[in-house]
N, C-alpha and C. Protein backbone atom coordinates (compact mmCIF):
# COMPACT_ATOMS: atom_id res chain seq x y z
N MET A 1 8.57 -22.97 54.55
CA MET A 1 8.66 -21.78 53.74
C MET A 1 9.63 -21.99 52.58
N LEU A 2 10.71 -22.69 52.87
CA LEU A 2 11.72 -22.94 51.82
C LEU A 2 11.09 -23.74 50.68
N ALA A 3 10.33 -24.76 50.99
CA ALA A 3 9.68 -25.54 49.95
C ALA A 3 8.63 -24.71 49.22
N GLY A 4 7.91 -23.88 49.97
CA GLY A 4 6.88 -23.05 49.34
C GLY A 4 7.44 -22.06 48.35
N MET A 5 8.63 -21.59 48.60
CA MET A 5 9.27 -20.66 47.67
C MET A 5 10.06 -21.38 46.57
N SER A 6 10.73 -22.46 46.93
CA SER A 6 11.64 -23.06 45.98
C SER A 6 10.93 -23.77 44.83
N ILE A 7 9.75 -24.33 45.08
CA ILE A 7 9.05 -25.05 43.99
C ILE A 7 8.65 -24.09 42.87
N PRO A 8 8.00 -22.94 43.11
CA PRO A 8 7.70 -22.04 42.00
C PRO A 8 8.95 -21.43 41.38
N LEU A 9 9.96 -21.12 42.19
CA LEU A 9 11.20 -20.56 41.64
C LEU A 9 11.93 -21.56 40.75
N PHE A 10 12.03 -22.78 41.18
CA PHE A 10 12.72 -23.80 40.40
C PHE A 10 11.95 -24.09 39.13
N THR A 11 10.63 -24.23 39.23
CA THR A 11 9.81 -24.52 38.05
C THR A 11 9.89 -23.37 37.07
N GLY A 12 9.79 -22.13 37.54
CA GLY A 12 9.92 -20.99 36.66
C GLY A 12 11.30 -20.89 36.04
N GLY A 13 12.32 -21.19 36.82
CA GLY A 13 13.69 -21.16 36.27
C GLY A 13 13.88 -22.18 35.16
N MET A 14 13.36 -23.37 35.34
CA MET A 14 13.46 -24.40 34.30
C MET A 14 12.70 -24.00 33.05
N LEU A 15 11.52 -23.40 33.23
CA LEU A 15 10.73 -22.95 32.08
C LEU A 15 11.47 -21.84 31.34
N ILE A 16 12.07 -20.95 32.06
CA ILE A 16 12.82 -19.83 31.45
C ILE A 16 14.04 -20.35 30.68
N VAL A 17 14.71 -21.34 31.23
CA VAL A 17 15.84 -21.94 30.52
C VAL A 17 15.35 -22.55 29.19
N MET A 18 14.20 -23.21 29.21
CA MET A 18 13.63 -23.76 27.99
C MET A 18 13.26 -22.67 27.00
N LEU A 19 12.72 -21.58 27.48
CA LEU A 19 12.37 -20.45 26.60
C LEU A 19 13.59 -19.85 25.96
N ILE A 20 14.68 -19.73 26.72
CA ILE A 20 15.94 -19.23 26.16
C ILE A 20 16.45 -20.18 25.08
N THR A 21 16.35 -21.48 25.34
CA THR A 21 16.78 -22.49 24.39
C THR A 21 16.03 -22.37 23.06
N TYR A 22 14.75 -22.11 23.12
CA TYR A 22 13.93 -22.01 21.92
C TYR A 22 13.84 -20.59 21.36
N GLY A 23 14.56 -19.66 21.96
CA GLY A 23 14.59 -18.30 21.45
C GLY A 23 13.38 -17.47 21.72
N LEU A 24 12.62 -17.80 22.71
CA LEU A 24 11.39 -17.05 23.08
C LEU A 24 11.70 -16.08 24.21
N SER A 25 12.63 -15.18 23.94
CA SER A 25 13.12 -14.29 24.99
C SER A 25 12.07 -13.25 25.42
N GLY A 26 11.07 -12.99 24.65
CA GLY A 26 10.06 -12.00 25.02
C GLY A 26 9.23 -12.39 26.21
N LEU A 27 9.15 -13.69 26.47
CA LEU A 27 8.33 -14.18 27.60
C LEU A 27 9.12 -14.30 28.90
N ILE A 28 10.40 -14.01 28.85
CA ILE A 28 11.23 -14.18 30.08
C ILE A 28 10.83 -13.20 31.15
N ALA A 29 10.73 -11.92 30.81
CA ALA A 29 10.40 -10.90 31.84
C ALA A 29 9.05 -11.15 32.52
N PRO A 30 7.97 -11.37 31.75
CA PRO A 30 6.69 -11.57 32.44
C PRO A 30 6.67 -12.84 33.27
N LEU A 31 7.31 -13.91 32.78
CA LEU A 31 7.28 -15.16 33.54
C LEU A 31 8.14 -15.11 34.79
N THR A 32 9.25 -14.37 34.76
CA THR A 32 10.03 -14.24 35.98
C THR A 32 9.22 -13.48 37.04
N LEU A 33 8.51 -12.45 36.63
CA LEU A 33 7.63 -11.73 37.58
C LEU A 33 6.54 -12.63 38.10
N LEU A 34 5.93 -13.41 37.22
CA LEU A 34 4.83 -14.29 37.66
C LEU A 34 5.34 -15.36 38.64
N PHE A 35 6.39 -16.06 38.31
CA PHE A 35 6.88 -17.11 39.19
C PHE A 35 7.46 -16.57 40.49
N TYR A 36 8.13 -15.44 40.43
CA TYR A 36 8.62 -14.82 41.68
C TYR A 36 7.42 -14.40 42.54
N GLY A 37 6.40 -13.86 41.91
CA GLY A 37 5.19 -13.52 42.65
C GLY A 37 4.53 -14.72 43.30
N LEU A 38 4.49 -15.85 42.56
CA LEU A 38 3.93 -17.06 43.14
C LEU A 38 4.76 -17.55 44.35
N ALA A 39 6.07 -17.43 44.22
CA ALA A 39 6.95 -17.83 45.33
C ALA A 39 6.73 -16.97 46.53
N LEU A 40 6.62 -15.65 46.32
CA LEU A 40 6.37 -14.74 47.45
C LEU A 40 5.00 -14.98 48.07
N TYR A 41 4.03 -15.22 47.22
CA TYR A 41 2.67 -15.48 47.74
C TYR A 41 2.67 -16.71 48.61
N ASN A 42 3.35 -17.77 48.16
CA ASN A 42 3.43 -18.99 48.97
C ASN A 42 4.20 -18.74 50.27
N ALA A 43 5.27 -17.99 50.20
CA ALA A 43 6.07 -17.68 51.41
C ALA A 43 5.24 -16.85 52.39
N GLY A 44 4.31 -16.08 51.91
CA GLY A 44 3.49 -15.25 52.76
C GLY A 44 2.60 -16.03 53.73
N PHE A 45 2.38 -17.31 53.42
CA PHE A 45 1.62 -18.12 54.35
C PHE A 45 2.41 -18.48 55.60
N TYR A 46 3.74 -18.35 55.52
CA TYR A 46 4.58 -18.68 56.63
C TYR A 46 5.18 -17.46 57.31
N THR A 47 4.94 -16.28 56.73
CA THR A 47 5.48 -15.04 57.28
C THR A 47 4.33 -14.06 57.48
N ILE A 48 4.59 -12.79 57.27
CA ILE A 48 3.57 -11.76 57.48
C ILE A 48 2.74 -11.61 56.18
N LYS A 49 1.53 -11.09 56.30
CA LYS A 49 0.62 -11.00 55.17
C LYS A 49 1.11 -10.05 54.11
N GLU A 50 1.96 -9.09 54.44
CA GLU A 50 2.47 -8.13 53.47
C GLU A 50 3.29 -8.82 52.39
N VAL A 51 3.93 -9.95 52.71
CA VAL A 51 4.68 -10.71 51.73
C VAL A 51 3.74 -11.24 50.64
N ARG A 52 2.58 -11.72 51.04
CA ARG A 52 1.59 -12.17 50.08
C ARG A 52 1.14 -11.01 49.15
N LEU A 53 0.93 -9.83 49.75
CA LEU A 53 0.56 -8.69 48.96
C LEU A 53 1.62 -8.31 47.94
N MET A 54 2.88 -8.39 48.35
CA MET A 54 3.97 -8.09 47.42
C MET A 54 3.99 -9.15 46.31
N GLY A 55 3.77 -10.39 46.64
CA GLY A 55 3.67 -11.45 45.64
C GLY A 55 2.57 -11.22 44.67
N PHE A 56 1.42 -10.79 45.19
CA PHE A 56 0.28 -10.48 44.32
C PHE A 56 0.62 -9.34 43.36
N ALA A 57 1.32 -8.32 43.87
CA ALA A 57 1.73 -7.18 43.02
C ALA A 57 2.67 -7.65 41.90
N GLN A 58 3.59 -8.57 42.24
CA GLN A 58 4.52 -9.08 41.23
C GLN A 58 3.78 -9.89 40.17
N MET A 59 2.82 -10.69 40.61
CA MET A 59 2.04 -11.47 39.64
C MET A 59 1.22 -10.56 38.73
N LEU A 60 0.63 -9.51 39.32
CA LEU A 60 -0.14 -8.57 38.53
C LEU A 60 0.72 -7.88 37.49
N LEU A 61 1.93 -7.47 37.86
CA LEU A 61 2.85 -6.87 36.92
C LEU A 61 3.24 -7.86 35.82
N GLY A 62 3.46 -9.11 36.21
CA GLY A 62 3.79 -10.12 35.18
C GLY A 62 2.66 -10.32 34.18
N LEU A 63 1.44 -10.35 34.65
CA LEU A 63 0.30 -10.49 33.74
C LEU A 63 0.14 -9.24 32.88
N MET A 64 0.35 -8.07 33.44
CA MET A 64 0.27 -6.85 32.64
C MET A 64 1.38 -6.85 31.59
N ASN A 65 2.55 -7.34 31.94
CA ASN A 65 3.69 -7.38 31.02
C ASN A 65 3.40 -8.28 29.82
N LEU A 66 2.56 -9.29 30.00
CA LEU A 66 2.20 -10.15 28.84
C LEU A 66 1.49 -9.36 27.77
N GLY A 67 0.83 -8.29 28.12
CA GLY A 67 0.18 -7.43 27.13
C GLY A 67 1.12 -6.45 26.45
N PHE A 68 2.26 -6.22 27.08
CA PHE A 68 3.25 -5.27 26.57
C PHE A 68 4.61 -5.94 26.58
N ILE A 69 4.80 -6.98 25.77
CA ILE A 69 6.01 -7.80 25.80
C ILE A 69 7.24 -6.96 25.53
N GLU A 70 7.16 -5.96 24.69
CA GLU A 70 8.32 -5.16 24.31
C GLU A 70 8.83 -4.29 25.46
N ASN A 71 8.07 -4.13 26.52
CA ASN A 71 8.47 -3.32 27.67
C ASN A 71 8.89 -4.16 28.87
N GLY A 72 9.47 -5.30 28.63
CA GLY A 72 9.86 -6.20 29.69
C GLY A 72 10.82 -5.60 30.71
N LEU A 73 11.80 -4.83 30.22
CA LEU A 73 12.76 -4.22 31.13
C LEU A 73 12.08 -3.19 32.06
N LEU A 74 11.13 -2.46 31.51
CA LEU A 74 10.39 -1.47 32.33
C LEU A 74 9.61 -2.20 33.44
N PHE A 75 8.93 -3.29 33.09
CA PHE A 75 8.18 -4.03 34.10
C PHE A 75 9.09 -4.68 35.13
N TRP A 76 10.26 -5.12 34.68
CA TRP A 76 11.27 -5.64 35.63
C TRP A 76 11.69 -4.56 36.60
N ALA A 77 11.94 -3.37 36.09
CA ALA A 77 12.36 -2.26 36.95
C ALA A 77 11.27 -1.91 37.97
N ILE A 78 10.03 -1.91 37.50
CA ILE A 78 8.92 -1.62 38.41
C ILE A 78 8.76 -2.74 39.42
N GLY A 79 8.82 -3.98 38.97
CA GLY A 79 8.59 -5.13 39.87
C GLY A 79 9.72 -5.39 40.82
N PHE A 80 10.91 -5.56 40.31
CA PHE A 80 12.05 -5.91 41.15
C PHE A 80 12.69 -4.71 41.80
N GLY A 81 12.39 -3.52 41.31
CA GLY A 81 12.93 -2.31 41.90
C GLY A 81 11.86 -1.55 42.70
N GLY A 82 10.90 -1.02 41.99
CA GLY A 82 9.89 -0.14 42.61
C GLY A 82 9.05 -0.84 43.67
N VAL A 83 8.60 -2.05 43.39
CA VAL A 83 7.76 -2.73 44.38
C VAL A 83 8.55 -3.05 45.63
N HIS A 84 9.83 -3.45 45.48
CA HIS A 84 10.64 -3.78 46.66
C HIS A 84 10.94 -2.50 47.46
N ILE A 85 11.18 -1.40 46.77
CA ILE A 85 11.44 -0.16 47.51
C ILE A 85 10.19 0.31 48.27
N LEU A 86 9.04 0.26 47.61
CA LEU A 86 7.81 0.64 48.30
C LEU A 86 7.49 -0.31 49.46
N TYR A 87 7.75 -1.58 49.25
CA TYR A 87 7.56 -2.55 50.32
C TYR A 87 8.48 -2.26 51.49
N GLY A 88 9.73 -1.94 51.21
CA GLY A 88 10.69 -1.62 52.29
C GLY A 88 10.29 -0.38 53.06
N ILE A 89 9.83 0.65 52.33
CA ILE A 89 9.38 1.87 53.00
C ILE A 89 8.17 1.58 53.88
N TYR A 90 7.23 0.83 53.34
CA TYR A 90 6.03 0.49 54.11
C TYR A 90 6.41 -0.31 55.35
N MET A 91 7.26 -1.30 55.22
CA MET A 91 7.64 -2.10 56.34
C MET A 91 8.41 -1.33 57.38
N HIS A 92 9.22 -0.38 56.95
CA HIS A 92 9.95 0.46 57.88
C HIS A 92 8.98 1.25 58.78
N PHE A 93 8.02 1.88 58.15
CA PHE A 93 7.08 2.71 58.94
C PHE A 93 6.08 1.86 59.71
N ARG A 94 5.78 0.68 59.21
CA ARG A 94 4.81 -0.17 59.89
C ARG A 94 5.40 -0.82 61.14
N TYR A 95 6.63 -1.32 61.05
CA TYR A 95 7.17 -2.12 62.14
C TYR A 95 8.33 -1.45 62.91
N GLU A 96 8.69 -0.26 62.56
CA GLU A 96 9.77 0.44 63.29
C GLU A 96 9.18 1.34 64.35
């Protein structure tokens, strides 16, 4: 699981560092969502299926954010905030 998550996260992190270097800051938000989603999707093969679904949601938000580059912070809030809160609520009621 560690390798499944670390490869997309490391690759995405290196790409984002390069984007910052070249001043392409508009692509940072969508790509962080995309690579984090890929990492979660890969981790989902070693854990429960809901992790894959959360990864898919993160990737979908990242792709949608590519169409609305100027709203990167909003998509970050939805992805890293809203999706995780909804996932936590779902997991609480599903497994508690």
